[in-house]
Amino acid sequence: MSVSAADVKALREKTGLGIMDCKRALSEVDGDVEKAVEYLRKKGAMKAAKRSGRETSEGTIGYYIHSNCKIGVLVELRCETDFAAKNDEFVELARNLAMHVAGSPVSPLAVSREGICQDLVAKERDIYEAEVANKPEQIRAKIVDGKLNKFYSDVVLMEQDYIKDDKKKVKDVLQDAMAKIGENITIARFARFRLGEA
């Protein structure tokens, strides 16, 4: 099937990928631009999964200071090579992640679930179990697990809705960046400061 130049251009604008990658993707999905975006995301997610075990020893510190100068955030974003660390898109991603942490409705407590203090998780679980004590026994555990997953989606950075596109989670944004840049990318840590907070 022949792919139109207009469709290639539209797909390039949506994804930032090269002409040949866009042509191939459009050929795979019979010229449908939306399906091509989905196809490329799935392909990128598979490539990102292969890269996820690779060491990330380079990177940058993204920062954001809110306009009122009362909130500031630092994010350590890592990648595999110095070349990628200097890439404009990588640097912009680090800054956008810092902006996300500053503007998130709920301040994240950790990058991943593993970083959340287990005492806090146990305390939340106890609260949820008390809330569902009057429910039928066979559904209590499911309700508690659902509430705990909601808690994680609020306070774990990778699971939060991305502030610049609430149809994506932060982990999706990272996967998209890995697919585009071609390297493993990780958020090592972050720090959020609010004037007057201990």
C-alpha atoms as a PDB file:
ATOM      1  CA  MET A   1       0.000   0.000   0.000  1.00  0.00           C
ATOM      2  CA  SER A   2       1.293   3.466  -0.813  1.00  0.00           C
ATOM      3  CA  VAL A   3       1.456   5.901   2.077  1.00  0.00           C
ATOM      4  CA  SER A   4       0.740   9.595   1.521  1.00  0.00           C
ATOM      5  CA  ALA A   5       3.283  12.258   2.389  1.00  0.00           C
ATOM      6  CA  ALA A   6       0.591  14.076   4.403  1.00  0.00           C
ATOM      7  CA  ASP A   7       0.056  11.000   6.595  1.00  0.00           C
ATOM      8  CA  VAL A   8       3.807  10.591   7.111  1.00  0.00           C
ATOM      9  CA  LYS A   9       4.042  14.270   8.090  1.00  0.00           C
ATOM     10  CA  ALA A  10       1.086  13.945  10.491  1.00  0.00           C
ATOM     11  CA  LEU A  11       2.621  10.870  12.127  1.00  0.00           C
ATOM     12  CA  ARG A  12       6.027  12.572  12.406  1.00  0.00           C
ATOM     13  CA  GLU A  13       4.414  15.557  14.148  1.00  0.00           C
ATOM     14  CA  LYS A  14       2.669  13.258  16.629  1.00  0.00           C
ATOM     15  CA  THR A  15       5.656  11.027  17.379  1.00  0.00           C
ATOM     16  CA  GLY A  16       8.817  12.936  16.458  1.00  0.00           C
ATOM     17  CA  LEU A  17      10.158   9.831  14.678  1.00  0.00           C
ATOM     18  CA  GLY A  18      11.981   9.710  11.353  1.00  0.00           C
ATOM     19  CA  ILE A  19      10.368   9.479   7.925  1.00  0.00           C
ATOM     20  CA  MET A  20      11.258   5.816   7.330  1.00  0.00           C
ATOM     21  CA  ASP A  21       9.957   4.702  10.752  1.00  0.00           C
ATOM     22  CA  CYS A  22       6.691   6.538  10.083  1.00  0.00           C
ATOM     23  CA  LYS A  23       6.362   5.060   6.575  1.00  0.00           C
ATOM     24  CA  ARG A  24       6.928   1.532   7.889  1.00  0.00           C
ATOM     25  CA  ALA A  25       4.405   1.996  10.690  1.00  0.00           C
ATOM     26  CA  LEU A  26       1.760   3.395   8.314  1.00  0.00           C
ATOM     27  CA  SER A  27       2.345   0.487   5.912  1.00  0.00           C
ATOM     28  CA  GLU A  28       1.767  -1.968   8.776  1.00  0.00           C
ATOM     29  CA  VAL A  29      -1.635  -0.468   9.640  1.00  0.00           C
ATOM     30  CA  ASP A  30      -2.969   0.361   6.160  1.00  0.00           C
ATOM     31  CA  GLY A  31      -2.288   4.092   6.398  1.00  0.00           C
ATOM     32  CA  ASP A  32      -4.319   4.801   9.571  1.00  0.00           C
ATOM     33  CA  VAL A  33      -2.384   7.503  11.498  1.00  0.00           C
ATOM     34  CA  GLU A  34      -4.015   6.767  14.889  1.00  0.00           C
ATOM     35  CA  LYS A  35      -3.377   3.035  14.559  1.00  0.00           C
ATOM     36  CA  ALA A  36       0.204   3.823  13.513  1.00  0.00           C
ATOM     37  CA  VAL A  37       0.720   5.832  16.731  1.00  0.00           C
ATOM     38  CA  GLU A  38      -0.586   2.879  18.754  1.00  0.00           C
ATOM     39  CA  TYR A  39       1.586   0.445  16.742  1.00  0.00           C
ATOM     40  CA  LEU A  40       4.698   2.558  17.385  1.00  0.00           C
ATOM     41  CA  ARG A  41       3.910   2.865  21.103  1.00  0.00           C
ATOM     42  CA  LYS A  42       3.582  -0.925  21.418  1.00  0.00           C
ATOM     43  CA  LYS A  43       6.784  -1.446  19.441  1.00  0.00           C
ATOM     44  CA  GLY A  44       8.544   1.158  21.596  1.00  0.00           C
ATOM     45  CA  ALA A  45       7.233  -0.461  24.780  1.00  0.00           C
ATOM     46  CA  MET A  46       8.690  -3.811  23.695  1.00  0.00           C
ATOM     47  CA  LYS A  47      12.060  -2.220  22.937  1.00  0.00           C
ATOM     48  CA  ALA A  48      11.947  -0.323  26.235  1.00  0.00           C
ATOM     49  CA  ALA A  49      11.264  -3.554  28.128  1.00  0.00           C
ATOM     50  CA  LYS A  50      14.393  -5.091  26.557  1.00  0.00           C
ATOM     51  CA  ARG A  51      16.454  -2.068  27.644  1.00  0.00           C
ATOM     52  CA  SER A  52      15.071  -1.845  31.165  1.00  0.00           C
ATOM     53  CA  GLY A  53      17.798  -3.994  32.717  1.00  0.00           C
ATOM     54  CA  ARG A  54      20.673  -1.990  31.266  1.00  0.00           C
ATOM     55  CA  GLU A  55      22.741   0.200  33.582  1.00  0.00           C
ATOM     56  CA  THR A  56      22.007   3.915  33.713  1.00  0.00           C
ATOM     57  CA  SER A  57      25.099   5.746  34.932  1.00  0.00           C
ATOM     58  CA  GLU A  58      24.752   9.017  33.001  1.00  0.00           C
ATOM     59  CA  GLY A  59      22.004  11.604  33.083  1.00  0.00           C
ATOM     60  CA  THR A  60      21.019  15.039  34.262  1.00  0.00           C
ATOM     61  CA  ILE A  61      19.332  16.869  37.110  1.00  0.00           C
ATOM     62  CA  GLY A  62      16.062  18.441  36.035  1.00  0.00           C
ATOM     63  CA  TYR A  63      14.818  21.350  38.080  1.00  0.00           C
ATOM     64  CA  TYR A  64      11.752  23.516  38.359  1.00  0.00           C
ATOM     65  CA  ILE A  65      11.051  26.584  40.494  1.00  0.00           C
ATOM     66  CA  HIS A  66       7.403  27.613  40.598  1.00  0.00           C
ATOM     67  CA  SER A  67       6.575  31.193  39.566  1.00  0.00           C
ATOM     68  CA  ASN A  68       5.790  32.189  43.167  1.00  0.00           C
ATOM     69  CA  CYS A  69       9.277  30.947  44.222  1.00  0.00           C
ATOM     70  CA  LYS A  70       7.742  28.904  47.046  1.00  0.00           C
ATOM     71  CA  ILE A  71       8.053  25.425  45.489  1.00  0.00           C
ATOM     72  CA  GLY A  72      11.187  23.924  43.969  1.00  0.00           C
ATOM     73  CA  VAL A  73      11.908  20.432  42.676  1.00  0.00           C
ATOM     74  CA  LEU A  74      15.027  18.508  41.639  1.00  0.00           C
ATOM     75  CA  VAL A  75      14.748  15.250  39.655  1.00  0.00           C
ATOM     76  CA  GLU A  76      17.698  12.967  38.910  1.00  0.00           C
ATOM     77  CA  LEU A  77      16.982  11.411  35.517  1.00  0.00           C
ATOM     78  CA  ARG A  78      19.416   8.738  34.344  1.00  0.00           C
ATOM     79  CA  CYS A  79      20.255   7.202  30.984  1.00  0.00           C
ATOM     80  CA  GLU A  80      22.971   4.955  29.543  1.00  0.00           C
ATOM     81  CA  THR A  81      25.250   7.381  27.710  1.00  0.00           C
ATOM     82  CA  ASP A  82      26.549  10.903  27.984  1.00  0.00           C
ATOM     83  CA  PHE A  83      25.346  11.457  24.410  1.00  0.00           C
ATOM     84  CA  ALA A  84      21.709  10.811  25.398  1.00  0.00           C
ATOM     85  CA  ALA A  85      22.105  12.879  28.588  1.00  0.00           C
ATOM     86  CA  LYS A  86      22.876  15.938  26.433  1.00  0.00           C
ATOM     87  CA  ASN A  87      19.959  15.290  24.074  1.00  0.00           C
ATOM     88  CA  ASP A  88      17.518  18.235  24.171  1.00  0.00           C
ATOM     89  CA  GLU A  89      14.513  15.899  24.515  1.00  0.00           C
ATOM     90  CA  PHE A  90      16.112  14.136  27.486  1.00  0.00           C
ATOM     91  CA  VAL A  91      16.890  17.440  29.227  1.00  0.00           C
ATOM     92  CA  GLU A  92      13.343  18.661  28.523  1.00  0.00           C
ATOM     93  CA  LEU A  93      11.925  15.415  29.950  1.00  0.00           C
ATOM     94  CA  ALA A  94      13.908  15.938  33.167  1.00  0.00           C
ATOM     95  CA  ARG A  95      12.524  19.462  33.473  1.00  0.00           C
ATOM     96  CA  ASN A  96       8.957  18.320  32.714  1.00  0.00           C
ATOM     97  CA  LEU A  97       9.206  15.608  35.368  1.00  0.00           C
ATOM     98  CA  ALA A  98      10.371  18.214  37.891  1.00  0.00           C
ATOM     99  CA  MET A  99       7.411  20.375  36.874  1.00  0.00           C
ATOM    100  CA  HIS A 100       5.121  17.361  37.321  1.00  0.00           C
ATOM    101  CA  VAL A 101       6.378  16.762  40.871  1.00  0.00           C
ATOM    102  CA  ALA A 102       5.889  20.464  41.693  1.00  0.00           C
ATOM    103  CA  GLY A 103       2.395  20.656  40.238  1.00  0.00           C
ATOM    104  CA  SER A 104       1.034  17.239  41.142  1.00  0.00           C
ATOM    105  CA  PRO A 105      -2.182  17.459  43.213  1.00  0.00           C
ATOM    106  CA  VAL A 106      -0.697  14.901  45.623  1.00  0.00           C
ATOM    107  CA  SER A 107       3.033  15.158  46.330  1.00  0.00           C
ATOM    108  CA  PRO A 108       4.654  11.850  45.389  1.00  0.00           C
ATOM    109  CA  LEU A 109       6.410  10.061  48.233  1.00  0.00           C
ATOM    110  CA  ALA A 110       8.629   7.750  46.169  1.00  0.00           C
ATOM    111  CA  VAL A 111       9.585   6.897  42.584  1.00  0.00           C
ATOM    112  CA  SER A 112       8.198   3.338  42.800  1.00  0.00           C
ATOM    113  CA  ARG A 113       6.132   1.188  45.164  1.00  0.00           C
ATOM    114  CA  GLU A 114       9.323  -0.294  46.603  1.00  0.00           C
ATOM    115  CA  GLY A 115      10.296   3.160  47.877  1.00  0.00           C
ATOM    116  CA  ILE A 116       7.170   3.578  50.014  1.00  0.00           C
ATOM    117  CA  CYS A 117       7.763   2.941  53.712  1.00  0.00           C
ATOM    118  CA  GLN A 118       6.204  -0.430  54.598  1.00  0.00           C
ATOM    119  CA  ASP A 119       4.936   0.942  57.921  1.00  0.00           C
ATOM    120  CA  LEU A 120       2.881   3.516  55.985  1.00  0.00           C
ATOM    121  CA  VAL A 121       1.517   0.798  53.670  1.00  0.00           C
ATOM    122  CA  ALA A 122       0.562  -1.364  56.694  1.00  0.00           C
ATOM    123  CA  LYS A 123      -1.132   1.637  58.327  1.00  0.00           C
ATOM    124  CA  GLU A 124      -3.129   2.383  55.143  1.00  0.00           C
ATOM    125  CA  ARG A 125      -4.109  -1.291  54.851  1.00  0.00           C
ATOM    126  CA  ASP A 126      -5.360  -1.257  58.477  1.00  0.00           C
ATOM    127  CA  ILE A 127      -7.477   1.831  57.761  1.00  0.00           C
ATOM    128  CA  TYR A 128      -8.981   0.255  54.619  1.00  0.00           C
ATOM    129  CA  GLU A 129      -9.692  -3.025  56.431  1.00  0.00           C
ATOM    130  CA  ALA A 130     -11.519  -1.102  59.172  1.00  0.00           C
ATOM    131  CA  GLU A 131     -13.551   0.752  56.500  1.00  0.00           C
ATOM    132  CA  VAL A 132     -14.790  -2.521  54.950  1.00  0.00           C
ATOM    133  CA  ALA A 133     -15.307  -4.493  58.167  1.00  0.00           C
ATOM    134  CA  ASN A 134     -19.097  -4.506  57.625  1.00  0.00           C
ATOM    135  CA  LYS A 135     -18.856  -5.794  54.013  1.00  0.00           C
ATOM    136  CA  PRO A 136     -19.240  -9.491  53.092  1.00  0.00           C
ATOM    137  CA  GLU A 137     -16.025 -11.359  53.872  1.00  0.00           C
ATOM    138  CA  GLN A 138     -15.510 -12.699  50.334  1.00  0.00           C
ATOM    139  CA  ILE A 139     -15.179  -9.165  48.851  1.00  0.00           C
ATOM    140  CA  ARG A 140     -13.226  -7.415  51.636  1.00  0.00           C
ATOM    141  CA  ALA A 141      -9.759  -8.340  50.337  1.00  0.00           C
ATOM    142  CA  LYS A 142     -10.606  -7.139  46.807  1.00  0.00           C
ATOM    143  CA  ILE A 143     -11.896  -3.799  48.086  1.00  0.00           C
ATOM    144  CA  VAL A 144      -8.824  -3.320  50.297  1.00  0.00           C
ATOM    145  CA  ASP A 145      -6.502  -4.164  47.377  1.00  0.00           C
ATOM    146  CA  GLY A 146      -8.386  -1.692  45.171  1.00  0.00           C
ATOM    147  CA  LYS A 147      -8.054   1.064  47.778  1.00  0.00           C
ATOM    148  CA  LEU A 148      -4.358   0.267  48.208  1.00  0.00           C
ATOM    149  CA  ASN A 149      -3.816   0.457  44.437  1.00  0.00           C
ATOM    150  CA  LYS A 150      -5.546   3.871  44.446  1.00  0.00           C
ATOM    151  CA  PHE A 151      -3.229   4.954  47.279  1.00  0.00           C
ATOM    152  CA  TYR A 152      -0.203   3.884  45.201  1.00  0.00           C
ATOM    153  CA  SER A 153      -1.500   5.720  42.120  1.00  0.00           C
ATOM    154  CA  ASP A 154      -1.703   8.883  44.236  1.00  0.00           C
ATOM    155  CA  VAL A 155       1.698   8.770  45.966  1.00  0.00           C
ATOM    156  CA  VAL A 156       4.010   6.764  43.663  1.00  0.00           C
ATOM    157  CA  LEU A 157       5.561   9.035  41.028  1.00  0.00           C
ATOM    158  CA  MET A 158       5.679   6.382  38.266  1.00  0.00           C
ATOM    159  CA  GLU A 159       1.973   5.587  38.751  1.00  0.00           C
ATOM    160  CA  GLN A 160       0.647   9.147  38.857  1.00  0.00           C
ATOM    161  CA  ASP A 161      -1.319  10.639  35.948  1.00  0.00           C
ATOM    162  CA  TYR A 162       1.156  12.792  34.031  1.00  0.00           C
ATOM    163  CA  ILE A 163       0.332  16.439  34.624  1.00  0.00           C
ATOM    164  CA  LYS A 164       0.860  17.447  30.967  1.00  0.00           C
ATOM    165  CA  ASP A 165      -1.267  14.581  29.573  1.00  0.00           C
ATOM    166  CA  ASP A 166      -3.629  12.893  32.037  1.00  0.00           C
ATOM    167  CA  LYS A 167      -4.291  10.036  29.584  1.00  0.00           C
ATOM    168  CA  LYS A 168      -0.767   8.804  30.390  1.00  0.00           C
ATOM    169  CA  LYS A 169       0.972   7.742  33.568  1.00  0.00           C
ATOM    170  CA  VAL A 170       4.510   8.974  34.296  1.00  0.00           C
ATOM    171  CA  LYS A 171       5.782   5.449  33.511  1.00  0.00           C
ATOM    172  CA  ASP A 172       4.190   5.723  30.023  1.00  0.00           C
ATOM    173  CA  VAL A 173       5.972   9.013  29.398  1.00  0.00           C
ATOM    174  CA  LEU A 174       9.257   7.372  30.403  1.00  0.00           C
ATOM    175  CA  GLN A 175       8.605   4.411  28.075  1.00  0.00           C
ATOM    176  CA  ASP A 176       7.821   6.761  25.190  1.00  0.00           C
ATOM    177  CA  ALA A 177      11.098   8.588  25.836  1.00  0.00           C
ATOM    178  CA  MET A 178      13.020   5.290  25.902  1.00  0.00           C
ATOM    179  CA  ALA A 179      11.509   4.339  22.547  1.00  0.00           C
ATOM    180  CA  LYS A 180      12.374   7.734  21.056  1.00  0.00           C
ATOM    181  CA  ILE A 181      15.883   8.160  22.500  1.00  0.00           C
ATOM    182  CA  GLY A 182      16.798   4.478  22.239  1.00  0.00           C
ATOM    183  CA  GLU A 183      18.205   4.005  25.728  1.00  0.00           C
ATOM    184  CA  ASN A 184      17.104   2.835  29.151  1.00  0.00           C
ATOM    185  CA  ILE A 185      15.907   5.833  31.186  1.00  0.00           C
ATOM    186  CA  THR A 186      15.193   5.790  34.910  1.00  0.00           C
ATOM    187  CA  ILE A 187      14.162   8.292  37.547  1.00  0.00           C
ATOM    188  CA  ALA A 188      16.753   7.776  40.279  1.00  0.00           C
ATOM    189  CA  ARG A 189      15.274  10.157  42.859  1.00  0.00           C
ATOM    190  CA  PHE A 190      13.610  13.498  43.387  1.00  0.00           C
ATOM    191  CA  ALA A 191      13.335  16.174  46.058  1.00  0.00           C
ATOM    192  CA  ARG A 192      10.423  18.593  46.472  1.00  0.00           C
ATOM    193  CA  PHE A 193      10.841  21.711  48.586  1.00  0.00           C
ATOM    194  CA  ARG A 194       8.046  23.997  49.745  1.00  0.00           C
ATOM    195  CA  LEU A 195       8.904  27.201  51.576  1.00  0.00           C
ATOM    196  CA  GLY A 196       8.250  26.794  55.304  1.00  0.00           C
ATOM    197  CA  GLU A 197       7.893  22.964  55.261  1.00  0.00           C
ATOM    198  CA  ALA A 198      10.229  20.877  57.395  1.00  0.00           C
END
